[in-house]
Amino acid sequence: MNLFRSEEHVKNWSSYNAISEEAIMPLANWALAFSGSMVRGRLGPDILSRRSEYLSELLSALRKLGKEGSFWQPG
């Protein structure tokens, strides 16, 4: 993850790829998206068995942030 001062700085970055434009968001939004059970439980013995639950929670948090495009859909 690279941190930039603004969206303009991201787009001027030499390695910028327009495909990832939907992933540009403030750090506070990234913190909100990744503050769920997936991160808190990443060292738990049941992380693999709960991965679909964790992914669902992450996608729900991203939807609340208006991030619903194909960039965020599991491949």
PDB file of N, CA and C in Angstrom:
ATOM      1  N   MET A   1       0.851  -1.170   0.000  1.00  0.00           N
ATOM      2  CA  MET A   1       0.000   0.000   0.000  1.00  0.00           C
ATOM      3  C   MET A   1       0.893   1.228   0.000  1.00  0.00           C
ATOM      4  N   ASN A   2       0.575   2.165  -0.845  1.00  0.00           N
ATOM      5  CA  ASN A   2       1.270   3.437  -0.885  1.00  0.00           C
ATOM      6  C   ASN A   2       0.336   4.509  -0.359  1.00  0.00           C
ATOM      7  N   LEU A   3       0.874   5.422   0.404  1.00  0.00           N
ATOM      8  CA  LEU A   3       0.081   6.515   0.941  1.00  0.00           C
ATOM      9  C   LEU A   3       0.486   7.806   0.235  1.00  0.00           C
ATOM     10  N   PHE A   4      -0.506   8.571  -0.186  1.00  0.00           N
ATOM     11  CA  PHE A   4      -0.270   9.809  -0.904  1.00  0.00           C
ATOM     12  C   PHE A   4      -1.006  10.945  -0.215  1.00  0.00           C
ATOM     13  N   ARG A   5      -0.607  12.170  -0.532  1.00  0.00           N
ATOM     14  CA  ARG A   5      -1.246  13.335   0.076  1.00  0.00           C
ATOM     15  C   ARG A   5      -2.624  13.613  -0.508  1.00  0.00           C
ATOM     16  N   SER A   6      -2.815  13.259  -1.764  1.00  0.00           N
ATOM     17  CA  SER A   6      -4.098  13.560  -2.397  1.00  0.00           C
ATOM     18  C   SER A   6      -4.309  12.624  -3.583  1.00  0.00           C
ATOM     19  N   GLU A   7      -5.534  12.641  -4.087  1.00  0.00           N
ATOM     20  CA  GLU A   7      -5.852  11.840  -5.268  1.00  0.00           C
ATOM     21  C   GLU A   7      -5.022  12.307  -6.464  1.00  0.00           C
ATOM     22  N   GLU A   8      -4.762  13.592  -6.525  1.00  0.00           N
ATOM     23  CA  GLU A   8      -3.937  14.144  -7.608  1.00  0.00           C
ATOM     24  C   GLU A   8      -2.529  13.550  -7.587  1.00  0.00           C
ATOM     25  N   HIS A   9      -1.964  13.413  -6.385  1.00  0.00           N
ATOM     26  CA  HIS A   9      -0.633  12.820  -6.270  1.00  0.00           C
ATOM     27  C   HIS A   9      -0.637  11.357  -6.709  1.00  0.00           C
ATOM     28  N   VAL A  10      -1.713  10.645  -6.406  1.00  0.00           N
ATOM     29  CA  VAL A  10      -1.831   9.249  -6.828  1.00  0.00           C
ATOM     30  C   VAL A  10      -1.793   9.174  -8.350  1.00  0.00           C
ATOM     31  N   LYS A  11      -2.588  10.009  -8.982  1.00  0.00           N
ATOM     32  CA  LYS A  11      -2.694   9.955 -10.435  1.00  0.00           C
ATOM     33  C   LYS A  11      -1.428  10.423 -11.141  1.00  0.00           C
ATOM     34  N   ASN A  12      -0.589  11.182 -10.461  1.00  0.00           N
ATOM     35  CA  ASN A  12       0.681  11.618 -11.040  1.00  0.00           C
ATOM     36  C   ASN A  12       1.814  10.630 -10.777  1.00  0.00           C
ATOM     37  N   TRP A  13       1.554   9.611  -9.970  1.00  0.00           N
ATOM     38  CA  TRP A  13       2.554   8.606  -9.625  1.00  0.00           C
ATOM     39  C   TRP A  13       2.935   7.819 -10.879  1.00  0.00           C
ATOM     40  N   SER A  14       4.201   7.534 -11.047  1.00  0.00           N
ATOM     41  CA  SER A  14       4.675   6.855 -12.260  1.00  0.00           C
ATOM     42  C   SER A  14       4.099   5.444 -12.417  1.00  0.00           C
ATOM     43  N   SER A  15       3.730   4.791 -11.335  1.00  0.00           N
ATOM     44  CA  SER A  15       3.177   3.436 -11.411  1.00  0.00           C
ATOM     45  C   SER A  15       1.649   3.411 -11.325  1.00  0.00           C
ATOM     46  N   TYR A  16       1.019   4.557 -11.489  1.00  0.00           N
ATOM     47  CA  TYR A  16      -0.442   4.630 -11.401  1.00  0.00           C
ATOM     48  C   TYR A  16      -1.094   3.800 -12.504  1.00  0.00           C
ATOM     49  N   ASN A  17      -2.135   3.067 -12.128  1.00  0.00           N
ATOM     50  CA  ASN A  17      -2.892   2.257 -13.076  1.00  0.00           C
ATOM     51  C   ASN A  17      -4.367   2.621 -12.898  1.00  0.00           C
ATOM     52  N   ALA A  18      -5.005   3.083 -13.955  1.00  0.00           N
ATOM     53  CA  ALA A  18      -6.395   3.541 -13.879  1.00  0.00           C
ATOM     54  C   ALA A  18      -7.351   2.450 -13.416  1.00  0.00           C
ATOM     55  N   ILE A  19      -6.995   1.197 -13.583  1.00  0.00           N
ATOM     56  CA  ILE A  19      -7.848   0.089 -13.132  1.00  0.00           C
ATOM     57  C   ILE A  19      -8.095   0.163 -11.628  1.00  0.00           C
ATOM     58  N   SER A  20      -7.128   0.669 -10.891  1.00  0.00           N
ATOM     59  CA  SER A  20      -7.234   0.714  -9.434  1.00  0.00           C
ATOM     60  C   SER A  20      -7.833   2.017  -8.912  1.00  0.00           C
ATOM     61  N   GLU A  21      -8.370   2.847  -9.788  1.00  0.00           N
ATOM     62  CA  GLU A  21      -8.889   4.142  -9.356  1.00  0.00           C
ATOM     63  C   GLU A  21      -9.946   4.017  -8.265  1.00  0.00           C
ATOM     64  N   GLU A  22     -10.760   2.970  -8.323  1.00  0.00           N
ATOM     65  CA  GLU A  22     -11.806   2.789  -7.314  1.00  0.00           C
ATOM     66  C   GLU A  22     -11.224   2.546  -5.916  1.00  0.00           C
ATOM     67  N   ALA A  23      -9.974   2.150  -5.846  1.00  0.00           N
ATOM     68  CA  ALA A  23      -9.347   1.881  -4.555  1.00  0.00           C
ATOM     69  C   ALA A  23      -8.772   3.134  -3.897  1.00  0.00           C
ATOM     70  N   ILE A  24      -8.838   4.251  -4.577  1.00  0.00           N
ATOM     71  CA  ILE A  24      -8.322   5.496  -3.996  1.00  0.00           C
ATOM     72  C   ILE A  24      -9.325   6.007  -2.971  1.00  0.00           C
ATOM     73  N   MET A  25      -8.898   6.059  -1.735  1.00  0.00           N
ATOM     74  CA  MET A  25      -9.752   6.596  -0.672  1.00  0.00           C
ATOM     75  C   MET A  25      -8.880   7.039   0.494  1.00  0.00           C
ATOM     76  N   PRO A  26      -9.421   7.907   1.343  1.00  0.00           N
ATOM     77  CA  PRO A  26      -8.650   8.411   2.488  1.00  0.00           C
ATOM     78  C   PRO A  26      -8.251   7.280   3.449  1.00  0.00           C
ATOM     79  N   LEU A  27      -7.184   7.501   4.163  1.00  0.00           N
ATOM     80  CA  LEU A  27      -6.675   6.523   5.116  1.00  0.00           C
ATOM     81  C   LEU A  27      -7.735   6.141   6.149  1.00  0.00           C
ATOM     82  N   ALA A  28      -8.531   7.101   6.577  1.00  0.00           N
ATOM     83  CA  ALA A  28      -9.585   6.805   7.562  1.00  0.00           C
ATOM     84  C   ALA A  28     -10.566   5.763   7.021  1.00  0.00           C
ATOM     85  N   ASN A  29     -10.856   5.821   5.730  1.00  0.00           N
ATOM     86  CA  ASN A  29     -11.757   4.831   5.134  1.00  0.00           C
ATOM     87  C   ASN A  29     -11.092   3.459   5.064  1.00  0.00           C
ATOM     88  N   TRP A  30      -9.803   3.424   4.761  1.00  0.00           N
ATOM     89  CA  TRP A  30      -9.082   2.144   4.767  1.00  0.00           C
ATOM     90  C   TRP A  30      -9.107   1.545   6.169  1.00  0.00           C
ATOM     91  N   ALA A  31      -8.893   2.389   7.177  1.00  0.00           N
ATOM     92  CA  ALA A  31      -8.915   1.907   8.565  1.00  0.00           C
ATOM     93  C   ALA A  31     -10.286   1.341   8.915  1.00  0.00           C
ATOM     94  N   LEU A  32     -11.340   2.010   8.479  1.00  0.00           N
ATOM     95  CA  LEU A  32     -12.693   1.523   8.743  1.00  0.00           C
ATOM     96  C   LEU A  32     -12.939   0.185   8.046  1.00  0.00           C
ATOM     97  N   ALA A  33     -12.523   0.087   6.798  1.00  0.00           N
ATOM     98  CA  ALA A  33     -12.751  -1.141   6.033  1.00  0.00           C
ATOM     99  C   ALA A  33     -12.023  -2.335   6.646  1.00  0.00           C
ATOM    100  N   PHE A  34     -10.833  -2.117   7.158  1.00  0.00           N
ATOM    101  CA  PHE A  34     -10.037  -3.230   7.675  1.00  0.00           C
ATOM    102  C   PHE A  34     -10.008  -3.305   9.206  1.00  0.00           C
ATOM    103  N   SER A  35     -11.018  -2.734   9.854  1.00  0.00           N
ATOM    104  CA  SER A  35     -11.070  -2.809  11.317  1.00  0.00           C
ATOM    105  C   SER A  35     -12.008  -3.917  11.791  1.00  0.00           C
ATOM    106  N   GLY A  36     -12.471  -4.735  10.883  1.00  0.00           N
ATOM    107  CA  GLY A  36     -13.442  -5.773  11.209  1.00  0.00           C
ATOM    108  C   GLY A  36     -12.812  -7.057  11.721  1.00  0.00           C
ATOM    109  N   SER A  37     -13.624  -8.072  11.775  1.00  0.00           N
ATOM    110  CA  SER A  37     -13.229  -9.375  12.319  1.00  0.00           C
ATOM    111  C   SER A  37     -12.086 -10.023  11.560  1.00  0.00           C
ATOM    112  N   MET A  38     -11.998  -9.777  10.255  1.00  0.00           N
ATOM    113  CA  MET A  38     -10.944 -10.391   9.460  1.00  0.00           C
ATOM    114  C   MET A  38      -9.560 -10.031  10.014  1.00  0.00           C
ATOM    115  N   VAL A  39      -9.379  -8.779  10.351  1.00  0.00           N
ATOM    116  CA  VAL A  39      -8.080  -8.339  10.857  1.00  0.00           C
ATOM    117  C   VAL A  39      -7.922  -8.720  12.326  1.00  0.00           C
ATOM    118  N   ARG A  40      -8.969  -8.531  13.100  1.00  0.00           N
ATOM    119  CA  ARG A  40      -8.875  -8.873  14.532  1.00  0.00           C
ATOM    120  C   ARG A  40      -8.671 -10.370  14.748  1.00  0.00           C
ATOM    121  N   GLY A  41      -9.235 -11.203  13.856  1.00  0.00           N
ATOM    122  CA  GLY A  41      -9.146 -12.640  14.037  1.00  0.00           C
ATOM    123  C   GLY A  41      -8.106 -13.322  13.168  1.00  0.00           C
ATOM    124  N   ARG A  42      -7.217 -12.563  12.567  1.00  0.00           N
ATOM    125  CA  ARG A  42      -6.278 -13.146  11.589  1.00  0.00           C
ATOM    126  C   ARG A  42      -5.315 -14.163  12.181  1.00  0.00           C
ATOM    127  N   LEU A  43      -5.124 -14.152  13.477  1.00  0.00           N
ATOM    128  CA  LEU A  43      -4.233 -15.131  14.102  1.00  0.00           C
ATOM    129  C   LEU A  43      -4.995 -16.262  14.774  1.00  0.00           C
ATOM    130  N   GLY A  44      -6.303 -16.232  14.651  1.00  0.00           N
ATOM    131  CA  GLY A  44      -7.125 -17.268  15.271  1.00  0.00           C
ATOM    132  C   GLY A  44      -7.003 -18.602  14.552  1.00  0.00           C
ATOM    133  N   PRO A  45      -7.224 -19.680  15.276  1.00  0.00           N
ATOM    134  CA  PRO A  45      -7.097 -21.009  14.674  1.00  0.00           C
ATOM    135  C   PRO A  45      -8.188 -21.322  13.648  1.00  0.00           C
ATOM    136  N   ASP A  46      -9.250 -20.515  13.637  1.00  0.00           N
ATOM    137  CA  ASP A  46     -10.371 -20.790  12.742  1.00  0.00           C
ATOM    138  C   ASP A  46     -10.474 -19.804  11.574  1.00  0.00           C
ATOM    139  N   ILE A  47      -9.414 -19.084  11.279  1.00  0.00           N
ATOM    140  CA  ILE A  47      -9.491 -18.042  10.248  1.00  0.00           C
ATOM    141  C   ILE A  47      -9.884 -18.605   8.884  1.00  0.00           C
ATOM    142  N   LEU A  48      -9.390 -19.767   8.534  1.00  0.00           N
ATOM    143  CA  LEU A  48      -9.721 -20.326   7.220  1.00  0.00           C
ATOM    144  C   LEU A  48     -11.175 -20.784   7.149  1.00  0.00           C
ATOM    145  N   SER A  49     -11.671 -21.347   8.222  1.00  0.00           N
ATOM    146  CA  SER A  49     -13.059 -21.806   8.215  1.00  0.00           C
ATOM    147  C   SER A  49     -14.045 -20.637   8.254  1.00  0.00           C
ATOM    148  N   ARG A  50     -13.587 -19.464   8.668  1.00  0.00           N
ATOM    149  CA  ARG A  50     -14.456 -18.289   8.756  1.00  0.00           C
ATOM    150  C   ARG A  50     -14.203 -17.278   7.643  1.00  0.00           C
ATOM    151  N   ARG A  51     -13.394 -17.654   6.635  1.00  0.00           N
ATOM    152  CA  ARG A  51     -12.996 -16.691   5.614  1.00  0.00           C
ATOM    153  C   ARG A  51     -14.181 -16.116   4.841  1.00  0.00           C
ATOM    154  N   SER A  52     -15.196 -16.889   4.579  1.00  0.00           N
ATOM    155  CA  SER A  52     -16.350 -16.351   3.841  1.00  0.00           C
ATOM    156  C   SER A  52     -17.107 -15.329   4.696  1.00  0.00           C
ATOM    157  N   GLU A  53     -17.196 -15.590   5.991  1.00  0.00           N
ATOM    158  CA  GLU A  53     -17.821 -14.635   6.913  1.00  0.00           C
ATOM    159  C   GLU A  53     -17.014 -13.338   6.947  1.00  0.00           C
ATOM    160  N   TYR A  54     -15.697 -13.472   7.032  1.00  0.00           N
ATOM    161  CA  TYR A  54     -14.823 -12.295   7.087  1.00  0.00           C
ATOM    162  C   TYR A  54     -14.897 -11.506   5.783  1.00  0.00           C
ATOM    163  N   LEU A  55     -14.907 -12.201   4.659  1.00  0.00           N
ATOM    164  CA  LEU A  55     -14.979 -11.528   3.369  1.00  0.00           C
ATOM    165  C   LEU A  55     -16.307 -10.796   3.228  1.00  0.00           C
ATOM    166  N   SER A  56     -17.377 -11.422   3.659  1.00  0.00           N
ATOM    167  CA  SER A  56     -18.697 -10.797   3.606  1.00  0.00           C
ATOM    168  C   SER A  56     -18.721  -9.507   4.427  1.00  0.00           C
ATOM    169  N   GLU A  57     -18.133  -9.558   5.606  1.00  0.00           N
ATOM    170  CA  GLU A  57     -18.069  -8.385   6.476  1.00  0.00           C
ATOM    171  C   GLU A  57     -17.240  -7.268   5.832  1.00  0.00           C
ATOM    172  N   LEU A  58     -16.111  -7.628   5.223  1.00  0.00           N
ATOM    173  CA  LEU A  58     -15.257  -6.640   4.555  1.00  0.00           C
ATOM    174  C   LEU A  58     -16.008  -5.999   3.396  1.00  0.00           C
ATOM    175  N   LEU A  59     -16.674  -6.800   2.560  1.00  0.00           N
ATOM    176  CA  LEU A  59     -17.417  -6.259   1.427  1.00  0.00           C
ATOM    177  C   LEU A  59     -18.565  -5.370   1.887  1.00  0.00           C
ATOM    178  N   SER A  60     -19.184  -5.710   3.006  1.00  0.00           N
ATOM    179  CA  SER A  60     -20.251  -4.881   3.563  1.00  0.00           C
ATOM    180  C   SER A  60     -19.699  -3.521   4.003  1.00  0.00           C
ATOM    181  N   ALA A  61     -18.550  -3.520   4.660  1.00  0.00           N
ATOM    182  CA  ALA A  61     -17.910  -2.268   5.079  1.00  0.00           C
ATOM    183  C   ALA A  61     -17.548  -1.422   3.867  1.00  0.00           C
ATOM    184  N   LEU A  62     -17.055  -2.063   2.821  1.00  0.00           N
ATOM    185  CA  LEU A  62     -16.703  -1.327   1.606  1.00  0.00           C
ATOM    186  C   LEU A  62     -17.949  -0.752   0.934  1.00  0.00           C
ATOM    187  N   ARG A  63     -19.054  -1.496   0.941  1.00  0.00           N
ATOM    188  CA  ARG A  63     -20.309  -0.988   0.371  1.00  0.00           C
ATOM    189  C   ARG A  63     -20.755   0.271   1.101  1.00  0.00           C
ATOM    190  N   LYS A  64     -20.610   0.271   2.430  1.00  0.00           N
ATOM    191  CA  LYS A  64     -20.986   1.452   3.215  1.00  0.00           C
ATOM    192  C   LYS A  64     -20.148   2.661   2.829  1.00  0.00           C
ATOM    193  N   LEU A  65     -18.956   2.406   2.323  1.00  0.00           N
ATOM    194  CA  LEU A  65     -18.070   3.488   1.874  1.00  0.00           C
ATOM    195  C   LEU A  65     -18.289   3.825   0.401  1.00  0.00           C
ATOM    196  N   GLY A  66     -19.258   3.170  -0.218  1.00  0.00           N
ATOM    197  CA  GLY A  66     -19.558   3.426  -1.617  1.00  0.00           C
ATOM    198  C   GLY A  66     -18.639   2.700  -2.582  1.00  0.00           C
ATOM    199  N   LYS A  67     -17.975   1.666  -2.110  1.00  0.00           N
ATOM    200  CA  LYS A  67     -17.030   0.897  -2.929  1.00  0.00           C
ATOM    201  C   LYS A  67     -17.668  -0.440  -3.286  1.00  0.00           C
ATOM    202  N   GLU A  68     -18.402  -0.473  -4.399  1.00  0.00           N
ATOM    203  CA  GLU A  68     -19.132  -1.679  -4.787  1.00  0.00           C
ATOM    204  C   GLU A  68     -18.745  -2.206  -6.153  1.00  0.00           C
ATOM    205  N   GLY A  69     -17.806  -1.565  -6.816  1.00  0.00           N
ATOM    206  CA  GLY A  69     -17.474  -1.937  -8.183  1.00  0.00           C
ATOM    207  C   GLY A  69     -16.747  -3.256  -8.319  1.00  0.00           C
ATOM    208  N   SER A  70     -16.454  -3.602  -9.535  1.00  0.00           N
ATOM    209  CA  SER A  70     -15.816  -4.883  -9.836  1.00  0.00           C
ATOM    210  C   SER A  70     -14.412  -5.008  -9.239  1.00  0.00           C
ATOM    211  N   PHE A  71     -13.759  -3.886  -8.978  1.00  0.00           N
ATOM    212  CA  PHE A  71     -12.427  -3.918  -8.376  1.00  0.00           C
ATOM    213  C   PHE A  71     -12.443  -4.675  -7.059  1.00  0.00           C
ATOM    214  N   TRP A  72     -13.544  -4.561  -6.311  1.00  0.00           N
ATOM    215  CA  TRP A  72     -13.640  -5.128  -4.977  1.00  0.00           C
ATOM    216  C   TRP A  72     -14.207  -6.537  -4.935  1.00  0.00           C
ATOM    217  N   GLN A  73     -14.689  -7.040  -6.025  1.00  0.00           N
ATOM    218  CA  GLN A  73     -15.292  -8.370  -6.038  1.00  0.00           C
ATOM    219  C   GLN A  73     -14.220  -9.447  -6.047  1.00  0.00           C
ATOM    220  N   PRO A  74     -14.415 -10.478  -5.240  1.00  0.00           N
ATOM    221  CA  PRO A  74     -13.441 -11.577  -5.209  1.00  0.00           C
ATOM    222  C   PRO A  74     -13.309 -12.214  -6.585  1.00  0.00           C
ATOM    223  N   GLY A  75     -12.097 -12.575  -6.930  1.00  0.00           N
ATOM    224  CA  GLY A  75     -11.826 -13.123  -8.247  1.00  0.00           C
ATOM    225  C   GLY A  75     -12.065 -14.552  -8.307  1.00  0.00           C
TER     226      GLY A  75
END
